[in-house]
Amino acid sequence: MPPMREKGATDEFDEMLRRKKRAYVLFYASWCPFSKKFLPIFEKYSNQTPESCIKIIADDNESLCERYSIEIFPTVILFENGAVSKRLDGKPHFGLEEAQLRELLGKS
C-alpha cells in the first residue's frame, strides 16, 4: 500500500483501522535519514502481510502525528481492533532496527 499523503487521510485512516483486527502502522518522514534507513525493513515485512501494514508519511499528515503523539521518526504503532496496543518509537539519532520490529511483530 502506498503511503497516505492526501488531505482527508485522517478519515481514511480511521476507516482502515475499523476494518482491520490488527494493523502495524509506520509513521515516517521523507526528510528523515533514520526513516529512509528503516523504510526498506518495514516494506520487507509489509510484503509478507500487506493487509496488516500501513505507512503514514508525516510530511502531509500532521494531524495523525499529533493525534498519536509522534515525536520521533520512524515510529511503529500496533493497533488491535482500532486501538493502540503497542508502540515502537525510534531512538533519537538512531531510529529503529529490524530486530525491534521483529520483536513487535512477534517474530524471532
PDB file of N, CA and C in Angstrom:
ATOM      1  N   MET A   1       0.836  -1.173   0.000  1.00  0.00           N
ATOM      2  CA  MET A   1       0.000   0.000   0.000  1.00  0.00           C
ATOM      3  C   MET A   1       0.885   1.241   0.000  1.00  0.00           C
ATOM      4  N   PRO A   2       0.614   2.198  -0.862  1.00  0.00           N
ATOM      5  CA  PRO A   2       1.408   3.425  -0.861  1.00  0.00           C
ATOM      6  C   PRO A   2       1.123   4.236   0.396  1.00  0.00           C
ATOM      7  N   PRO A   3       2.058   5.102   0.790  1.00  0.00           N
ATOM      8  CA  PRO A   3       1.840   5.902   1.991  1.00  0.00           C
ATOM      9  C   PRO A   3       0.688   6.877   1.807  1.00  0.00           C
ATOM     10  N   MET A   4       0.033   7.210   2.902  1.00  0.00           N
ATOM     11  CA  MET A   4      -1.055   8.174   2.864  1.00  0.00           C
ATOM     12  C   MET A   4      -0.461   9.571   2.808  1.00  0.00           C
ATOM     13  N   ARG A   5      -0.935  10.389   1.890  1.00  0.00           N
ATOM     14  CA  ARG A   5      -0.415  11.731   1.736  1.00  0.00           C
ATOM     15  C   ARG A   5      -1.503  12.794   1.668  1.00  0.00           C
ATOM     16  N   GLU A   6      -2.607  12.473   1.075  1.00  0.00           N
ATOM     17  CA  GLU A   6      -3.586  13.490   0.726  1.00  0.00           C
ATOM     18  C   GLU A   6      -4.386  13.999   1.916  1.00  0.00           C
ATOM     19  N   LYS A   7      -4.992  15.158   1.699  1.00  0.00           N
ATOM     20  CA  LYS A   7      -5.895  15.718   2.695  1.00  0.00           C
ATOM     21  C   LYS A   7      -7.052  14.743   2.880  1.00  0.00           C
ATOM     22  N   GLY A   8      -7.625  14.712   4.061  1.00  0.00           N
ATOM     23  CA  GLY A   8      -8.703  13.775   4.334  1.00  0.00           C
ATOM     24  C   GLY A   8      -8.201  12.398   4.704  1.00  0.00           C
ATOM     25  N   ALA A   9      -6.889  12.260   4.840  1.00  0.00           N
ATOM     26  CA  ALA A   9      -6.311  10.961   5.161  1.00  0.00           C
ATOM     27  C   ALA A   9      -6.724  10.493   6.550  1.00  0.00           C
ATOM     28  N   THR A  10      -7.064  11.417   7.430  1.00  0.00           N
ATOM     29  CA  THR A  10      -7.466  11.038   8.782  1.00  0.00           C
ATOM     30  C   THR A  10      -8.707  10.157   8.747  1.00  0.00           C
ATOM     31  N   ASP A  11      -9.710  10.560   7.975  1.00  0.00           N
ATOM     32  CA  ASP A  11     -10.930   9.756   7.855  1.00  0.00           C
ATOM     33  C   ASP A  11     -10.635   8.404   7.218  1.00  0.00           C
ATOM     34  N   GLU A  12      -9.814   8.410   6.187  1.00  0.00           N
ATOM     35  CA  GLU A  12      -9.435   7.167   5.508  1.00  0.00           C
ATOM     36  C   GLU A  12      -8.692   6.237   6.478  1.00  0.00           C
ATOM     37  N   PHE A  13      -7.800   6.811   7.270  1.00  0.00           N
ATOM     38  CA  PHE A  13      -7.034   6.039   8.242  1.00  0.00           C
ATOM     39  C   PHE A  13      -7.964   5.406   9.278  1.00  0.00           C
ATOM     40  N   ASP A  14      -8.880   6.199   9.817  1.00  0.00           N
ATOM     41  CA  ASP A  14      -9.829   5.678  10.807  1.00  0.00           C
ATOM     42  C   ASP A  14     -10.651   4.525  10.230  1.00  0.00           C
ATOM     43  N   GLU A  15     -11.065   4.662   8.990  1.00  0.00           N
ATOM     44  CA  GLU A  15     -11.853   3.610   8.340  1.00  0.00           C
ATOM     45  C   GLU A  15     -11.018   2.336   8.164  1.00  0.00           C
ATOM     46  N   MET A  16      -9.766   2.486   7.775  1.00  0.00           N
ATOM     47  CA  MET A  16      -8.899   1.313   7.626  1.00  0.00           C
ATOM     48  C   MET A  16      -8.732   0.586   8.952  1.00  0.00           C
ATOM     49  N   LEU A  17      -8.539   1.333  10.028  1.00  0.00           N
ATOM     50  CA  LEU A  17      -8.371   0.698  11.341  1.00  0.00           C
ATOM     51  C   LEU A  17      -9.636  -0.029  11.769  1.00  0.00           C
ATOM     52  N   ARG A  18     -10.789   0.520  11.441  1.00  0.00           N
ATOM     53  CA  ARG A  18     -12.055  -0.142  11.796  1.00  0.00           C
ATOM     54  C   ARG A  18     -12.207  -1.480  11.077  1.00  0.00           C
ATOM     55  N   ARG A  19     -11.646  -1.588   9.880  1.00  0.00           N
ATOM     56  CA  ARG A  19     -11.789  -2.806   9.083  1.00  0.00           C
ATOM     57  C   ARG A  19     -10.760  -3.880   9.427  1.00  0.00           C
ATOM     58  N   LYS A  20      -9.733  -3.533  10.184  1.00  0.00           N
ATOM     59  CA  LYS A  20      -8.654  -4.481  10.461  1.00  0.00           C
ATOM     60  C   LYS A  20      -8.643  -4.884  11.931  1.00  0.00           C
ATOM     61  N   LYS A  21      -8.449  -6.165  12.167  1.00  0.00           N
ATOM     62  CA  LYS A  21      -8.316  -6.633  13.546  1.00  0.00           C
ATOM     63  C   LYS A  21      -6.973  -6.170  14.110  1.00  0.00           C
ATOM     64  N   ARG A  22      -5.951  -6.230  13.272  1.00  0.00           N
ATOM     65  CA  ARG A  22      -4.595  -5.857  13.684  1.00  0.00           C
ATOM     66  C   ARG A  22      -3.944  -5.057  12.553  1.00  0.00           C
ATOM     67  N   ALA A  23      -3.286  -3.956  12.914  1.00  0.00           N
ATOM     68  CA  ALA A  23      -2.587  -3.144  11.913  1.00  0.00           C
ATOM     69  C   ALA A  23      -1.287  -2.616  12.505  1.00  0.00           C
ATOM     70  N   TYR A  24      -0.223  -2.762  11.740  1.00  0.00           N
ATOM     71  CA  TYR A  24       1.076  -2.198  12.086  1.00  0.00           C
ATOM     72  C   TYR A  24       1.241  -0.942  11.252  1.00  0.00           C
ATOM     73  N   VAL A  25       1.372   0.200  11.915  1.00  0.00           N
ATOM     74  CA  VAL A  25       1.412   1.471  11.200  1.00  0.00           C
ATOM     75  C   VAL A  25       2.769   2.125  11.400  1.00  0.00           C
ATOM     76  N   LEU A  26       3.440   2.385  10.282  1.00  0.00           N
ATOM     77  CA  LEU A  26       4.724   3.082  10.299  1.00  0.00           C
ATOM     78  C   LEU A  26       4.478   4.557  10.038  1.00  0.00           C
ATOM     79  N   PHE A  27       4.896   5.400  10.953  1.00  0.00           N
ATOM     80  CA  PHE A  27       4.910   6.848  10.765  1.00  0.00           C
ATOM     81  C   PHE A  27       6.350   7.222  10.441  1.00  0.00           C
ATOM     82  N   TYR A  28       6.545   7.839   9.282  1.00  0.00           N
ATOM     83  CA  TYR A  28       7.904   8.207   8.882  1.00  0.00           C
ATOM     84  C   TYR A  28       7.887   9.546   8.156  1.00  0.00           C
ATOM     85  N   ALA A  29       9.065  10.127   7.995  1.00  0.00           N
ATOM     86  CA  ALA A  29       9.197  11.418   7.322  1.00  0.00           C
ATOM     87  C   ALA A  29      10.170  11.275   6.154  1.00  0.00           C
ATOM     88  N   SER A  30       9.822  11.879   5.041  1.00  0.00           N
ATOM     89  CA  SER A  30      10.651  11.756   3.833  1.00  0.00           C
ATOM     90  C   SER A  30      12.033  12.377   4.011  1.00  0.00           C
ATOM     91  N   TRP A  31      12.149  13.373   4.859  1.00  0.00           N
ATOM     92  CA  TRP A  31      13.404  14.091   5.059  1.00  0.00           C
ATOM     93  C   TRP A  31      14.295  13.451   6.125  1.00  0.00           C
ATOM     94  N   CYS A  32      13.787  12.451   6.845  1.00  0.00           N
ATOM     95  CA  CYS A  32      14.496  11.865   7.981  1.00  0.00           C
ATOM     96  C   CYS A  32      15.413  10.724   7.530  1.00  0.00           C
ATOM     97  N   PRO A  33      16.722  10.822   7.779  1.00  0.00           N
ATOM     98  CA  PRO A  33      17.633   9.749   7.363  1.00  0.00           C
ATOM     99  C   PRO A  33      17.347   8.427   8.070  1.00  0.00           C
ATOM    100  N   PHE A  34      16.837   8.466   9.297  1.00  0.00           N
ATOM    101  CA  PHE A  34      16.540   7.238  10.030  1.00  0.00           C
ATOM    102  C   PHE A  34      15.295   6.567   9.464  1.00  0.00           C
ATOM    103  N   SER A  35      14.349   7.381   8.986  1.00  0.00           N
ATOM    104  CA  SER A  35      13.175   6.832   8.301  1.00  0.00           C
ATOM    105  C   SER A  35      13.593   6.177   6.990  1.00  0.00           C
ATOM    106  N   LYS A  36      14.465   6.838   6.251  1.00  0.00           N
ATOM    107  CA  LYS A  36      14.925   6.290   4.966  1.00  0.00           C
ATOM    108  C   LYS A  36      15.639   4.953   5.175  1.00  0.00           C
ATOM    109  N   LYS A  37      16.361   4.833   6.262  1.00  0.00           N
ATOM    110  CA  LYS A  37      17.077   3.591   6.567  1.00  0.00           C
ATOM    111  C   LYS A  37      16.100   2.479   6.975  1.00  0.00           C
ATOM    112  N   PHE A  38      15.041   2.833   7.710  1.00  0.00           N
ATOM    113  CA  PHE A  38      14.115   1.843   8.240  1.00  0.00           C
ATOM    114  C   PHE A  38      13.022   1.451   7.246  1.00  0.00           C
ATOM    115  N   LEU A  39      12.680   2.321   6.328  1.00  0.00           N
ATOM    116  CA  LEU A  39      11.577   2.072   5.394  1.00  0.00           C
ATOM    117  C   LEU A  39      11.720   0.747   4.636  1.00  0.00           C
ATOM    118  N   PRO A  40      12.886   0.403   4.077  1.00  0.00           N
ATOM    119  CA  PRO A  40      13.008  -0.885   3.384  1.00  0.00           C
ATOM    120  C   PRO A  40      12.792  -2.084   4.312  1.00  0.00           C
ATOM    121  N   ILE A  41      13.152  -1.942   5.572  1.00  0.00           N
ATOM    122  CA  ILE A  41      12.937  -3.020   6.545  1.00  0.00           C
ATOM    123  C   ILE A  41      11.445  -3.227   6.753  1.00  0.00           C
ATOM    124  N   PHE A  42      10.712  -2.127   6.964  1.00  0.00           N
ATOM    125  CA  PHE A  42       9.266  -2.227   7.158  1.00  0.00           C
ATOM    126  C   PHE A  42       8.598  -2.774   5.899  1.00  0.00           C
ATOM    127  N   GLU A  43       9.050  -2.324   4.743  1.00  0.00           N
ATOM    128  CA  GLU A  43       8.454  -2.794   3.477  1.00  0.00           C
ATOM    129  C   GLU A  43       8.675  -4.287   3.274  1.00  0.00           C
ATOM    130  N   LYS A  44       9.823  -4.788   3.701  1.00  0.00           N
ATOM    131  CA  LYS A  44      10.094  -6.226   3.602  1.00  0.00           C
ATOM    132  C   LYS A  44       9.028  -7.008   4.367  1.00  0.00           C
ATOM    133  N   TYR A  45       8.718  -6.565   5.566  1.00  0.00           N
ATOM    134  CA  TYR A  45       7.702  -7.248   6.371  1.00  0.00           C
ATOM    135  C   TYR A  45       6.299  -6.983   5.834  1.00  0.00           C
ATOM    136  N   SER A  46       6.065  -5.801   5.310  1.00  0.00           N
ATOM    137  CA  SER A  46       4.731  -5.494   4.778  1.00  0.00           C
ATOM    138  C   SER A  46       4.455  -6.302   3.510  1.00  0.00           C
ATOM    139  N   ASN A  47       5.482  -6.706   2.794  1.00  0.00           N
ATOM    140  CA  ASN A  47       5.284  -7.563   1.625  1.00  0.00           C
ATOM    141  C   ASN A  47       4.788  -8.949   2.035  1.00  0.00           C
ATOM    142  N   GLN A  48       5.149  -9.389   3.240  1.00  0.00           N
ATOM    143  CA  GLN A  48       4.714 -10.690   3.741  1.00  0.00           C
ATOM    144  C   GLN A  48       3.267 -10.648   4.227  1.00  0.00           C
ATOM    145  N   THR A  49       2.843  -9.515   4.785  1.00  0.00           N
ATOM    146  CA  THR A  49       1.472  -9.364   5.301  1.00  0.00           C
ATOM    147  C   THR A  49       0.941  -7.975   4.937  1.00  0.00           C
ATOM    148  N   PRO A  50       0.734  -7.723   3.649  1.00  0.00           N
ATOM    149  CA  PRO A  50       0.336  -6.372   3.230  1.00  0.00           C
ATOM    150  C   PRO A  50      -0.997  -5.916   3.806  1.00  0.00           C
ATOM    151  N   GLU A  51      -1.868  -6.848   4.139  1.00  0.00           N
ATOM    152  CA  GLU A  51      -3.179  -6.474   4.673  1.00  0.00           C
ATOM    153  C   GLU A  51      -3.102  -5.880   6.074  1.00  0.00           C
ATOM    154  N   SER A  52      -1.986  -6.085   6.776  1.00  0.00           N
ATOM    155  CA  SER A  52      -1.896  -5.580   8.144  1.00  0.00           C
ATOM    156  C   SER A  52      -0.879  -4.454   8.320  1.00  0.00           C
ATOM    157  N   CYS A  53      -0.298  -3.954   7.236  1.00  0.00           N
ATOM    158  CA  CYS A  53       0.719  -2.909   7.336  1.00  0.00           C
ATOM    159  C   CYS A  53       0.266  -1.642   6.612  1.00  0.00           C
ATOM    160  N   ILE A  54       0.476  -0.519   7.281  1.00  0.00           N
ATOM    161  CA  ILE A  54       0.099   0.788   6.740  1.00  0.00           C
ATOM    162  C   ILE A  54       1.282   1.729   6.917  1.00  0.00           C
ATOM    163  N   LYS A  55       1.551   2.547   5.914  1.00  0.00           N
ATOM    164  CA  LYS A  55       2.601   3.560   6.009  1.00  0.00           C
ATOM    165  C   LYS A  55       1.954   4.940   5.997  1.00  0.00           C
ATOM    166  N   ILE A  56       2.359   5.776   6.938  1.00  0.00           N
ATOM    167  CA  ILE A  56       1.872   7.144   7.024  1.00  0.00           C
ATOM    168  C   ILE A  56       3.068   8.065   6.864  1.00  0.00           C
ATOM    169  N   ILE A  57       3.063   8.870   5.821  1.00  0.00           N
ATOM    170  CA  ILE A  57       4.148   9.820   5.637  1.00  0.00           C
ATOM    171  C   ILE A  57       3.785  11.102   6.386  1.00  0.00           C
ATOM    172  N   ALA A  58       4.603  11.434   7.344  1.00  0.00           N
ATOM    173  CA  ALA A  58       4.300  12.525   8.269  1.00  0.00           C
ATOM    174  C   ALA A  58       4.292  13.889   7.604  1.00  0.00           C
ATOM    175  N   ASP A  59       5.007  14.051   6.528  1.00  0.00           N
ATOM    176  CA  ASP A  59       5.124  15.341   5.867  1.00  0.00           C
ATOM    177  C   ASP A  59       3.755  15.968   5.602  1.00  0.00           C
ATOM    178  N   ASP A  60       2.786  15.151   5.223  1.00  0.00           N
ATOM    179  CA  ASP A  60       1.468  15.645   4.845  1.00  0.00           C
ATOM    180  C   ASP A  60       0.360  15.180   5.781  1.00  0.00           C
ATOM    181  N   ASN A  61       0.709  14.613   6.910  1.00  0.00           N
ATOM    182  CA  ASN A  61      -0.287  14.074   7.839  1.00  0.00           C
ATOM    183  C   ASN A  61      -0.003  14.512   9.274  1.00  0.00           C
ATOM    184  N   GLU A  62       0.168  15.802   9.446  1.00  0.00           N
ATOM    185  CA  GLU A  62       0.491  16.323  10.771  1.00  0.00           C
ATOM    186  C   GLU A  62      -0.587  15.996  11.795  1.00  0.00           C
ATOM    187  N   SER A  63      -1.844  16.013  11.386  1.00  0.00           N
ATOM    188  CA  SER A  63      -2.920  15.768  12.348  1.00  0.00           C
ATOM    189  C   SER A  63      -2.857  14.344  12.911  1.00  0.00           C
ATOM    190  N   LEU A  64      -2.520  13.369  12.069  1.00  0.00           N
ATOM    191  CA  LEU A  64      -2.376  11.996  12.570  1.00  0.00           C
ATOM    192  C   LEU A  64      -1.176  11.882  13.506  1.00  0.00           C
ATOM    193  N   CYS A  65      -0.104  12.556  13.166  1.00  0.00           N
ATOM    194  CA  CYS A  65       1.087  12.520  14.023  1.00  0.00           C
ATOM    195  C   CYS A  65       0.793  13.159  15.383  1.00  0.00           C
ATOM    196  N   GLU A  66       0.048  14.253  15.356  1.00  0.00           N
ATOM    197  CA  GLU A  66      -0.317  14.891  16.616  1.00  0.00           C
ATOM    198  C   GLU A  66      -1.246  13.995  17.427  1.00  0.00           C
ATOM    199  N   ARG A  67      -2.209  13.390  16.767  1.00  0.00           N
ATOM    200  CA  ARG A  67      -3.175  12.538  17.470  1.00  0.00           C
ATOM    201  C   ARG A  67      -2.479  11.418  18.234  1.00  0.00           C
ATOM    202  N   TYR A  68      -1.419  10.842  17.639  1.00  0.00           N
ATOM    203  CA  TYR A  68      -0.730   9.715  18.262  1.00  0.00           C
ATOM    204  C   TYR A  68       0.601  10.105  18.902  1.00  0.00           C
ATOM    205  N   SER A  69       0.801  11.401  19.111  1.00  0.00           N
ATOM    206  CA  SER A  69       1.992  11.917  19.806  1.00  0.00           C
ATOM    207  C   SER A  69       3.289  11.393  19.204  1.00  0.00           C
ATOM    208  N   ILE A  70       3.383  11.458  17.888  1.00  0.00           N
ATOM    209  CA  ILE A  70       4.607  11.042  17.201  1.00  0.00           C
ATOM    210  C   ILE A  70       5.606  12.182  17.318  1.00  0.00           C
ATOM    211  N   GLU A  71       6.664  11.948  18.052  1.00  0.00           N
ATOM    212  CA  GLU A  71       7.669  12.979  18.273  1.00  0.00           C
ATOM    213  C   GLU A  71       8.998  12.653  17.622  1.00  0.00           C
ATOM    214  N   ILE A  72       9.142  11.410  17.179  1.00  0.00           N
ATOM    215  CA  ILE A  72      10.396  10.991  16.552  1.00  0.00           C
ATOM    216  C   ILE A  72      10.069  10.018  15.432  1.00  0.00           C
ATOM    217  N   PHE A  73      10.871  10.063  14.400  1.00  0.00           N
ATOM    218  CA  PHE A  73      10.675   9.186  13.243  1.00  0.00           C
ATOM    219  C   PHE A  73      11.869   8.255  13.131  1.00  0.00           C
ATOM    220  N   PRO A  74      11.618   7.038  12.719  1.00  0.00           N
ATOM    221  CA  PRO A  74      10.333   6.398  12.497  1.00  0.00           C
ATOM    222  C   PRO A  74       9.722   5.922  13.811  1.00  0.00           C
ATOM    223  N   THR A  75       8.408   5.747  13.794  1.00  0.00           N
ATOM    224  CA  THR A  75       7.658   5.150  14.900  1.00  0.00           C
ATOM    225  C   THR A  75       6.690   4.143  14.305  1.00  0.00           C
ATOM    226  N   VAL A  76       6.578   2.986  14.939  1.00  0.00           N
ATOM    227  CA  VAL A  76       5.620   1.967  14.508  1.00  0.00           C
ATOM    228  C   VAL A  76       4.635   1.750  15.654  1.00  0.00           C
ATOM    229  N   ILE A  77       3.351   1.805  15.321  1.00  0.00           N
ATOM    230  CA  ILE A  77       2.313   1.565  16.316  1.00  0.00           C
ATOM    231  C   ILE A  77       1.496   0.358  15.891  1.00  0.00           C
ATOM    232  N   LEU A  78       1.273  -0.550  16.839  1.00  0.00           N
ATOM    233  CA  LEU A  78       0.407  -1.697  16.621  1.00  0.00           C
ATOM    234  C   LEU A  78      -0.985  -1.332  17.122  1.00  0.00           C
ATOM    235  N   PHE A  79      -1.957  -1.410  16.227  1.00  0.00           N
ATOM    236  CA  PHE A  79      -3.358  -1.188  16.569  1.00  0.00           C
ATOM    237  C   PHE A  79      -4.053  -2.540  16.564  1.00  0.00           C
ATOM    238  N   GLU A  80      -4.826  -2.804  17.604  1.00  0.00           N
ATOM    239  CA  GLU A  80      -5.642  -4.013  17.655  1.00  0.00           C
ATOM    240  C   GLU A  80      -7.084  -3.579  17.873  1.00  0.00           C
ATOM    241  N   ASN A  81      -7.946  -4.001  16.947  1.00  0.00           N
ATOM    242  CA  ASN A  81      -9.358  -3.613  16.977  1.00  0.00           C
ATOM    243  C   ASN A  81      -9.518  -2.096  17.042  1.00  0.00           C
ATOM    244  N   GLY A  82      -8.661  -1.383  16.299  1.00  0.00           N
ATOM    245  CA  GLY A  82      -8.750   0.066  16.184  1.00  0.00           C
ATOM    246  C   GLY A  82      -8.108   0.864  17.296  1.00  0.00           C
ATOM    247  N   ALA A  83      -7.588   0.207  18.326  1.00  0.00           N
ATOM    248  CA  ALA A  83      -6.980   0.903  19.458  1.00  0.00           C
ATOM    249  C   ALA A  83      -5.481   0.624  19.518  1.00  0.00           C
ATOM    250  N   VAL A  84      -4.731   1.598  20.024  1.00  0.00           N
ATOM    251  CA  VAL A  84      -3.290   1.425  20.187  1.00  0.00           C
ATOM    252  C   VAL A  84      -3.045   0.302  21.185  1.00  0.00           C
ATOM    253  N   SER A  85      -2.242  -0.673  20.773  1.00  0.00           N
ATOM    254  CA  SER A  85      -1.906  -1.802  21.631  1.00  0.00           C
ATOM    255  C   SER A  85      -0.463  -1.701  22.120  1.00  0.00           C
ATOM    256  N   LYS A  86       0.450  -1.437  21.183  1.00  0.00           N
ATOM    257  CA  LYS A  86       1.879  -1.292  21.495  1.00  0.00           C
ATOM    258  C   LYS A  86       2.446  -0.252  20.556  1.00  0.00           C
ATOM    259  N   ARG A  87       3.560   0.314  20.960  1.00  0.00           N
ATOM    260  CA  ARG A  87       4.246   1.229  20.053  1.00  0.00           C
ATOM    261  C   ARG A  87       5.749   1.069  20.182  1.00  0.00           C
ATOM    262  N   LEU A  88       6.398   1.389  19.099  1.00  0.00           N
ATOM    263  CA  LEU A  88       7.843   1.270  18.998  1.00  0.00           C
ATOM    264  C   LEU A  88       8.349   2.610  18.469  1.00  0.00           C
ATOM    265  N   ASP A  89       8.836   3.443  19.371  1.00  0.00           N
ATOM    266  CA  ASP A  89       9.335   4.760  18.988  1.00  0.00           C
ATOM    267  C   ASP A  89      10.816   4.681  18.667  1.00  0.00           C
ATOM    268  N   GLY A  90      11.216   5.365  17.616  1.00  0.00           N
ATOM    269  CA  GLY A  90      12.623   5.428  17.275  1.00  0.00           C
ATOM    270  C   GLY A  90      13.411   6.123  18.373  1.00  0.00           C
ATOM    271  N   LYS A  91      14.681   5.809  18.439  1.00  0.00           N
ATOM    272  CA  LYS A  91      15.552   6.464  19.404  1.00  0.00           C
ATOM    273  C   LYS A  91      16.205   7.674  18.728  1.00  0.00           C
ATOM    274  N   PRO A  92      16.317   8.797  19.447  1.00  0.00           N
ATOM    275  CA  PRO A  92      16.946   9.981  18.862  1.00  0.00           C
ATOM    276  C   PRO A  92      18.341   9.662  18.305  1.00  0.00           C
ATOM    277  N   HIS A  93      18.591  10.148  17.116  1.00  0.00           N
ATOM    278  CA  HIS A  93      19.879  10.000  16.431  1.00  0.00           C
ATOM    279  C   HIS A  93      20.236   8.546  16.136  1.00  0.00           C
ATOM    280  N   PHE A  94      19.227   7.667  16.158  1.00  0.00           N
ATOM    281  CA  PHE A  94      19.473   6.251  15.915  1.00  0.00           C
ATOM    282  C   PHE A  94      18.365   5.611  15.070  1.00  0.00           C
ATOM    283  N   GLY A  95      17.111   5.900  15.377  1.00  0.00           N
ATOM    284  CA  GLY A  95      15.999   5.313  14.634  1.00  0.00           C
ATOM    285  C   GLY A  95      15.588   3.969  15.213  1.00  0.00           C
ATOM    286  N   LEU A  96      15.240   3.050  14.336  1.00  0.00           N
ATOM    287  CA  LEU A  96      14.809   1.713  14.710  1.00  0.00           C
ATOM    288  C   LEU A  96      15.621   0.679  13.953  1.00  0.00           C
ATOM    289  N   GLU A  97      15.676  -0.529  14.512  1.00  0.00           N
ATOM    290  CA  GLU A  97      16.372  -1.633  13.859  1.00  0.00           C
ATOM    291  C   GLU A  97      15.394  -2.759  13.547  1.00  0.00           C
ATOM    292  N   GLU A  98      15.794  -3.615  12.661  1.00  0.00           N
ATOM    293  CA  GLU A  98      14.965  -4.738  12.259  1.00  0.00           C
ATOM    294  C   GLU A  98      14.617  -5.639  13.439  1.00  0.00           C
ATOM    295  N   ALA A  99      15.559  -5.865  14.344  1.00  0.00           N
ATOM    296  CA  ALA A  99      15.313  -6.734  15.495  1.00  0.00           C
ATOM    297  C   ALA A  99      14.165  -6.191  16.351  1.00  0.00           C
ATOM    298  N   GLN A 100      14.072  -4.875  16.478  1.00  0.00           N
ATOM    299  CA  GLN A 100      12.988  -4.271  17.255  1.00  0.00           C
ATOM    300  C   GLN A 100      11.641  -4.515  16.576  1.00  0.00           C
ATOM    301  N   LEU A 101      11.612  -4.395  15.265  1.00  0.00           N
ATOM    302  CA  LEU A 101      10.369  -4.640  14.526  1.00  0.00           C
ATOM    303  C   LEU A 101       9.977  -6.110  14.630  1.00  0.00           C
ATOM    304  N   ARG A 102      10.945  -7.012  14.490  1.00  0.00           N
ATOM    305  CA  ARG A 102      10.649  -8.446  14.621  1.00  0.00           C
ATOM    306  C   ARG A 102      10.032  -8.739  15.984  1.00  0.00           C
ATOM    307  N   GLU A 103      10.564  -8.135  17.028  1.00  0.00           N
ATOM    308  CA  GLU A 103      10.026  -8.349  18.363  1.00  0.00           C
ATOM    309  C   GLU A 103       8.580  -7.843  18.453  1.00  0.00           C
ATOM    310  N   LEU A 104       8.310  -6.671  17.906  1.00  0.00           N
ATOM    311  CA  LEU A 104       6.956  -6.126  17.910  1.00  0.00           C
ATOM    312  C   LEU A 104       5.999  -7.038  17.134  1.00  0.00           C
ATOM    313  N   LEU A 105       6.474  -7.589  16.030  1.00  0.00           N
ATOM    314  CA  LEU A 105       5.664  -8.463  15.204  1.00  0.00           C
ATOM    315  C   LEU A 105       5.513  -9.867  15.791  1.00  0.00           C
ATOM    316  N   GLY A 106       6.306 -10.153  16.830  1.00  0.00           N
ATOM    317  CA  GLY A 106       6.253 -11.478  17.428  1.00  0.00           C
ATOM    318  C   GLY A 106       6.987 -12.525  16.610  1.00  0.00           C
ATOM    319  N   LYS A 107       8.000 -12.067  15.859  1.00  0.00           N
ATOM    320  CA  LYS A 107       8.790 -12.992  15.035  1.00  0.00           C
ATOM    321  C   LYS A 107      10.194 -13.063  15.611  1.00  0.00           C
ATOM    322  N   SER A 108      10.784 -14.238  15.532  1.00  0.00           N
ATOM    323  CA  SER A 108      12.152 -14.372  16.036  1.00  0.00           C
ATOM    324  C   SER A 108      13.142 -14.466  14.909  1.00  0.00           C
TER     325      SER A 108
END
